[in-house]
Each structure stands twice: as structure tokens, then as C-alpha cells.
Amino acid sequence: MKPQHSVPSRSLEQVYLIERDAGLLCRILGLYASRGIDVLRAEYAYAAQDVMTLKICVANEPEGEGIAEVLRVLIDKAASLVGVLAAAEQPATMQRVA
């Protein structure tokens, strides 16, 4: 049984399609750390033989109204890295803990 995680109602999720490269994964996560963004959850899975998806969920606090703009800039920056095939942002879906 796959564990389910509870996500705060105010959270954003960035989804990346990247080449299968642990160094690239670390560079993307490092972008979040260098900007002081708290990552609530990070998940990766293989999408094809040499391609993987990376989903990063971050808090979108009401008092941090500028976080959305920071995340947009961060996605643009990450998308410019060699090996990133696609990057997108979406509201995180709520999951209930069983």
C-alpha cells in the first residue's frame, strides 16, 4: 500500500520532466534551498528509460504573497538547466490520510 501524505490547503506544486540524472535532481532542489523555500514534499518517479518526473510541493503562506513570484522565477531558472525537458506549476491536490 502506498503511503498517503496530507498537504496543507495552501500549497503549490512544481512538476519537472527531467533526464535521469541525480546531479540534476540535486541542482533543482538546491535552487529551492538557496532561496530559503521550505519544501513540504518531493517525489520522483521514472517516466521512461532515461526520463523521470520530479514533483516538489511548497507551502504558499498567506503572509508570503511574494512566494508565487519567487516560484515562477525559480521554475524559469530550473527550466533553463541542461537536462530539464519541461517544467510547470499547479496547485497541489489535497489528499486525505487513511
N, C-alpha and C. Protein backbone atom coordinates (compact mmCIF):
# COMPACT_ATOMS: atom_id res chain seq x y z
N MET A 1 0.84 -1.18 0.00
CA MET A 1 0.00 0.00 0.00
C MET A 1 0.89 1.24 0.00
N LYS A 2 0.61 2.15 -0.88
CA LYS A 2 1.39 3.38 -1.00
C LYS A 2 0.98 4.35 0.09
N PRO A 3 1.97 4.92 0.84
CA PRO A 3 1.59 5.87 1.89
C PRO A 3 1.02 7.15 1.30
N GLN A 4 0.04 7.70 2.00
CA GLN A 4 -0.56 8.96 1.56
C GLN A 4 -0.11 10.06 2.51
N HIS A 5 0.11 11.22 1.95
CA HIS A 5 0.59 12.35 2.74
C HIS A 5 -0.46 13.45 2.73
N SER A 6 -0.61 14.11 3.84
CA SER A 6 -1.52 15.23 3.94
C SER A 6 -0.78 16.49 3.50
N VAL A 7 -1.40 17.27 2.62
CA VAL A 7 -0.80 18.50 2.10
C VAL A 7 -1.62 19.67 2.60
N PRO A 8 -0.98 20.72 3.14
CA PRO A 8 -1.74 21.89 3.58
C PRO A 8 -2.56 22.45 2.42
N SER A 9 -3.70 23.06 2.76
CA SER A 9 -4.58 23.58 1.71
C SER A 9 -3.93 24.68 0.89
N ARG A 10 -3.02 25.42 1.48
CA ARG A 10 -2.34 26.48 0.75
C ARG A 10 -0.94 26.00 0.37
N SER A 11 -0.88 25.24 -0.72
CA SER A 11 0.42 24.77 -1.19
C SER A 11 0.43 24.77 -2.71
N LEU A 12 1.62 24.86 -3.25
CA LEU A 12 1.82 24.84 -4.69
C LEU A 12 2.73 23.68 -5.04
N GLU A 13 2.53 23.14 -6.23
CA GLU A 13 3.34 22.02 -6.66
C GLU A 13 3.99 22.37 -8.00
N GLN A 14 5.28 22.14 -8.08
CA GLN A 14 6.01 22.31 -9.33
C GLN A 14 6.33 20.91 -9.84
N VAL A 15 6.15 20.72 -11.13
CA VAL A 15 6.38 19.42 -11.75
C VAL A 15 7.43 19.59 -12.84
N TYR A 16 8.44 18.74 -12.80
CA TYR A 16 9.52 18.78 -13.77
C TYR A 16 9.63 17.45 -14.48
N LEU A 17 9.89 17.47 -15.76
CA LEU A 17 10.24 16.30 -16.54
C LEU A 17 11.71 16.46 -16.86
N ILE A 18 12.53 15.58 -16.31
CA ILE A 18 13.98 15.76 -16.41
C ILE A 18 14.65 14.48 -16.88
N GLU A 19 15.87 14.64 -17.40
CA GLU A 19 16.67 13.48 -17.74
C GLU A 19 17.04 12.76 -16.46
N ARG A 20 17.22 11.48 -16.54
CA ARG A 20 17.55 10.67 -15.36
C ARG A 20 18.99 10.98 -14.94
N ASP A 21 19.12 11.88 -13.98
CA ASP A 21 20.43 12.36 -13.53
C ASP A 21 20.30 12.85 -12.09
N ALA A 22 20.96 12.14 -11.18
CA ALA A 22 20.88 12.52 -9.76
C ALA A 22 21.47 13.90 -9.51
N GLY A 23 22.50 14.27 -10.25
CA GLY A 23 23.10 15.60 -10.09
C GLY A 23 22.13 16.70 -10.46
N LEU A 24 21.34 16.49 -11.50
CA LEU A 24 20.34 17.46 -11.92
C LEU A 24 19.25 17.58 -10.86
N LEU A 25 18.84 16.46 -10.31
CA LEU A 25 17.85 16.45 -9.23
C LEU A 25 18.35 17.29 -8.06
N CYS A 26 19.60 17.11 -7.69
CA CYS A 26 20.18 17.88 -6.58
C CYS A 26 20.30 19.37 -6.91
N ARG A 27 20.63 19.70 -8.16
CA ARG A 27 20.72 21.12 -8.53
C ARG A 27 19.36 21.80 -8.44
N ILE A 28 18.30 21.11 -8.86
CA ILE A 28 16.96 21.69 -8.79
C ILE A 28 16.56 21.90 -7.33
N LEU A 29 16.76 20.90 -6.49
CA LEU A 29 16.44 21.04 -5.06
C LEU A 29 17.32 22.12 -4.42
N GLY A 30 18.53 22.27 -4.88
CA GLY A 30 19.42 23.31 -4.38
C GLY A 30 18.91 24.71 -4.68
N LEU A 31 18.20 24.88 -5.79
CA LEU A 31 17.60 26.18 -6.11
C LEU A 31 16.59 26.58 -5.05
N TYR A 32 15.80 25.62 -4.58
CA TYR A 32 14.83 25.90 -3.52
C TYR A 32 15.55 26.27 -2.22
N ALA A 33 16.57 25.49 -1.88
CA ALA A 33 17.32 25.72 -0.64
C ALA A 33 18.02 27.08 -0.67
N SER A 34 18.59 27.45 -1.80
CA SER A 34 19.32 28.72 -1.88
C SER A 34 18.42 29.93 -1.73
N ARG A 35 17.13 29.75 -2.00
CA ARG A 35 16.16 30.85 -1.84
C ARG A 35 15.40 30.75 -0.52
N GLY A 36 15.75 29.77 0.31
CA GLY A 36 15.11 29.63 1.61
C GLY A 36 13.68 29.15 1.55
N ILE A 37 13.32 28.43 0.50
CA ILE A 37 11.96 27.93 0.34
C ILE A 37 11.85 26.57 1.01
N ASP A 38 10.86 26.43 1.89
CA ASP A 38 10.64 25.16 2.58
C ASP A 38 9.90 24.20 1.67
N VAL A 39 10.50 23.07 1.41
CA VAL A 39 9.89 22.02 0.59
C VAL A 39 9.10 21.11 1.52
N LEU A 40 7.80 21.00 1.29
CA LEU A 40 6.95 20.14 2.09
C LEU A 40 7.09 18.68 1.68
N ARG A 41 7.26 18.47 0.38
CA ARG A 41 7.34 17.11 -0.14
C ARG A 41 8.04 17.13 -1.49
N ALA A 42 8.86 16.14 -1.76
CA ALA A 42 9.47 15.97 -3.07
C ALA A 42 9.32 14.50 -3.45
N GLU A 43 8.83 14.27 -4.64
CA GLU A 43 8.62 12.91 -5.13
C GLU A 43 9.21 12.80 -6.53
N TYR A 44 9.84 11.67 -6.81
CA TYR A 44 10.28 11.44 -8.17
C TYR A 44 9.93 10.03 -8.60
N ALA A 45 9.75 9.87 -9.88
CA ALA A 45 9.41 8.57 -10.44
C ALA A 45 9.96 8.50 -11.86
N TYR A 46 10.21 7.30 -12.31
CA TYR A 46 10.71 7.14 -13.67
C TYR A 46 9.55 7.20 -14.64
N ALA A 47 9.67 8.05 -15.65
CA ALA A 47 8.63 8.22 -16.64
C ALA A 47 8.93 7.39 -17.89
N ALA A 48 10.20 7.14 -18.15
CA ALA A 48 10.67 6.35 -19.28
C ALA A 48 12.08 5.88 -18.93
N GLN A 49 12.73 5.23 -19.85
CA GLN A 49 14.04 4.66 -19.55
C GLN A 49 15.04 5.69 -19.04
N ASP A 50 15.16 6.81 -19.68
CA ASP A 50 16.13 7.83 -19.27
C ASP A 50 15.47 9.14 -18.85
N VAL A 51 14.19 9.09 -18.50
CA VAL A 51 13.44 10.29 -18.13
C VAL A 51 12.72 10.05 -16.81
N MET A 52 12.69 11.08 -15.97
CA MET A 52 11.96 10.97 -14.71
C MET A 52 11.13 12.22 -14.46
N THR A 53 10.12 12.08 -13.63
CA THR A 53 9.34 13.23 -13.20
C THR A 53 9.73 13.57 -11.76
N LEU A 54 9.75 14.83 -11.47
CA LEU A 54 10.03 15.33 -10.13
C LEU A 54 8.90 16.26 -9.74
N LYS A 55 8.24 15.99 -8.61
CA LYS A 55 7.18 16.85 -8.10
C LYS A 55 7.64 17.42 -6.77
N ILE A 56 7.60 18.74 -6.67
CA ILE A 56 8.02 19.42 -5.45
C ILE A 56 6.84 20.24 -4.95
N CYS A 57 6.46 20.03 -3.70
CA CYS A 57 5.34 20.73 -3.09
C CYS A 57 5.89 21.71 -2.05
N VAL A 58 5.50 22.97 -2.15
CA VAL A 58 5.95 24.01 -1.21
C VAL A 58 4.74 24.71 -0.62
N ALA A 59 4.92 25.26 0.57
CA ALA A 59 3.85 25.99 1.25
C ALA A 59 3.64 27.34 0.57
N ASN A 60 2.40 27.76 0.46
CA ASN A 60 2.04 29.06 -0.09
C ASN A 60 1.34 29.81 1.02
N GLU A 61 2.13 30.38 1.92
CA GLU A 61 1.58 31.07 3.09
C GLU A 61 0.92 32.38 2.70
N PRO A 62 -0.19 32.75 3.34
CA PRO A 62 -0.88 34.00 3.01
C PRO A 62 -0.01 35.23 3.24
N GLU A 63 0.82 35.20 4.31
CA GLU A 63 1.65 36.38 4.56
C GLU A 63 2.83 36.46 3.60
N GLY A 64 3.12 35.36 2.90
CA GLY A 64 4.21 35.36 1.93
C GLY A 64 3.69 35.51 0.52
N GLU A 65 3.01 36.63 0.26
CA GLU A 65 2.39 36.84 -1.04
C GLU A 65 3.41 36.83 -2.17
N GLY A 66 4.66 37.17 -1.88
CA GLY A 66 5.68 37.20 -2.91
C GLY A 66 6.20 35.83 -3.29
N ILE A 67 5.80 34.78 -2.57
CA ILE A 67 6.31 33.44 -2.83
C ILE A 67 5.92 32.95 -4.22
N ALA A 68 4.73 33.30 -4.68
CA ALA A 68 4.29 32.86 -6.00
C ALA A 68 5.22 33.40 -7.09
N GLU A 69 5.62 34.66 -6.96
CA GLU A 69 6.54 35.25 -7.94
C GLU A 69 7.92 34.60 -7.85
N VAL A 70 8.38 34.34 -6.64
CA VAL A 70 9.68 33.67 -6.45
C VAL A 70 9.65 32.30 -7.11
N LEU A 71 8.55 31.57 -6.94
CA LEU A 71 8.44 30.24 -7.54
C LEU A 71 8.37 30.30 -9.05
N ARG A 72 7.74 31.33 -9.61
CA ARG A 72 7.71 31.48 -11.07
C ARG A 72 9.12 31.70 -11.61
N VAL A 73 9.88 32.54 -10.93
CA VAL A 73 11.26 32.80 -11.34
C VAL A 73 12.09 31.52 -11.19
N LEU A 74 11.85 30.79 -10.10
CA LEU A 74 12.59 29.57 -9.85
C LEU A 74 12.31 28.52 -10.94
N ILE A 75 11.07 28.40 -11.36
CA ILE A 75 10.73 27.46 -12.43
C ILE A 75 11.42 27.85 -13.73
N ASP A 76 11.44 29.14 -14.04
CA ASP A 76 12.14 29.60 -15.25
C ASP A 76 13.62 29.27 -15.17
N LYS A 77 14.22 29.48 -13.99
CA LYS A 77 15.64 29.19 -13.78
C LYS A 77 15.90 27.70 -13.93
N ALA A 78 15.06 26.86 -13.30
CA ALA A 78 15.24 25.41 -13.38
C ALA A 78 15.03 24.91 -14.80
N ALA A 79 14.08 25.50 -15.52
CA ALA A 79 13.81 25.07 -16.89
C ALA A 79 14.99 25.35 -17.82
N SER A 80 15.85 26.29 -17.43
CA SER A 80 17.00 26.61 -18.27
C SER A 80 18.18 25.67 -18.03
N LEU A 81 18.11 24.82 -17.01
CA LEU A 81 19.19 23.88 -16.74
C LEU A 81 19.23 22.80 -17.83
N VAL A 82 20.44 22.40 -18.21
CA VAL A 82 20.59 21.34 -19.19
C VAL A 82 20.04 20.05 -18.60
N GLY A 83 19.15 19.40 -19.32
CA GLY A 83 18.55 18.15 -18.85
C GLY A 83 17.11 18.29 -18.40
N VAL A 84 16.65 19.53 -18.20
CA VAL A 84 15.24 19.74 -17.84
C VAL A 84 14.46 19.82 -19.14
N LEU A 85 13.54 18.89 -19.33
CA LEU A 85 12.77 18.82 -20.57
C LEU A 85 11.51 19.68 -20.51
N ALA A 86 10.90 19.79 -19.31
CA ALA A 86 9.69 20.59 -19.14
C ALA A 86 9.54 20.93 -17.66
N ALA A 87 8.88 22.07 -17.40
CA ALA A 87 8.62 22.50 -16.03
C ALA A 87 7.26 23.20 -16.00
N ALA A 88 6.48 22.94 -14.94
CA ALA A 88 5.16 23.56 -14.82
C ALA A 88 4.81 23.73 -13.35
N GLU A 89 3.85 24.61 -13.09
CA GLU A 89 3.38 24.86 -11.73
C GLU A 89 1.88 24.61 -11.69
N GLN A 90 1.42 24.05 -10.57
CA GLN A 90 0.00 23.79 -10.39
C GLN A 90 -0.34 23.80 -8.92
N PRO A 91 -1.59 24.09 -8.56
CA PRO A 91 -1.97 23.97 -7.15
C PRO A 91 -1.87 22.51 -6.73
N ALA A 92 -1.40 22.26 -5.53
CA ALA A 92 -1.29 20.88 -5.04
C ALA A 92 -2.67 20.34 -4.74
N THR A 93 -2.88 19.08 -5.03
CA THR A 93 -4.16 18.45 -4.74
C THR A 93 -4.17 17.97 -3.30
N MET A 94 -5.32 18.06 -2.68
CA MET A 94 -5.48 17.62 -1.30
C MET A 94 -5.62 16.10 -1.28
N GLN A 95 -4.92 15.47 -0.35
CA GLN A 95 -5.06 14.04 -0.14
C GLN A 95 -5.39 13.82 1.31
N ARG A 96 -6.25 12.88 1.58
CA ARG A 96 -6.61 12.55 2.94
C ARG A 96 -5.75 11.38 3.42
N VAL A 97 -5.35 11.46 4.65
CA VAL A 97 -4.58 10.38 5.24
C VAL A 97 -5.55 9.29 5.67
N ALA A 98 -5.30 8.07 5.24
CA ALA A 98 -6.21 6.96 5.56
C ALA A 98 -6.03 6.48 6.98
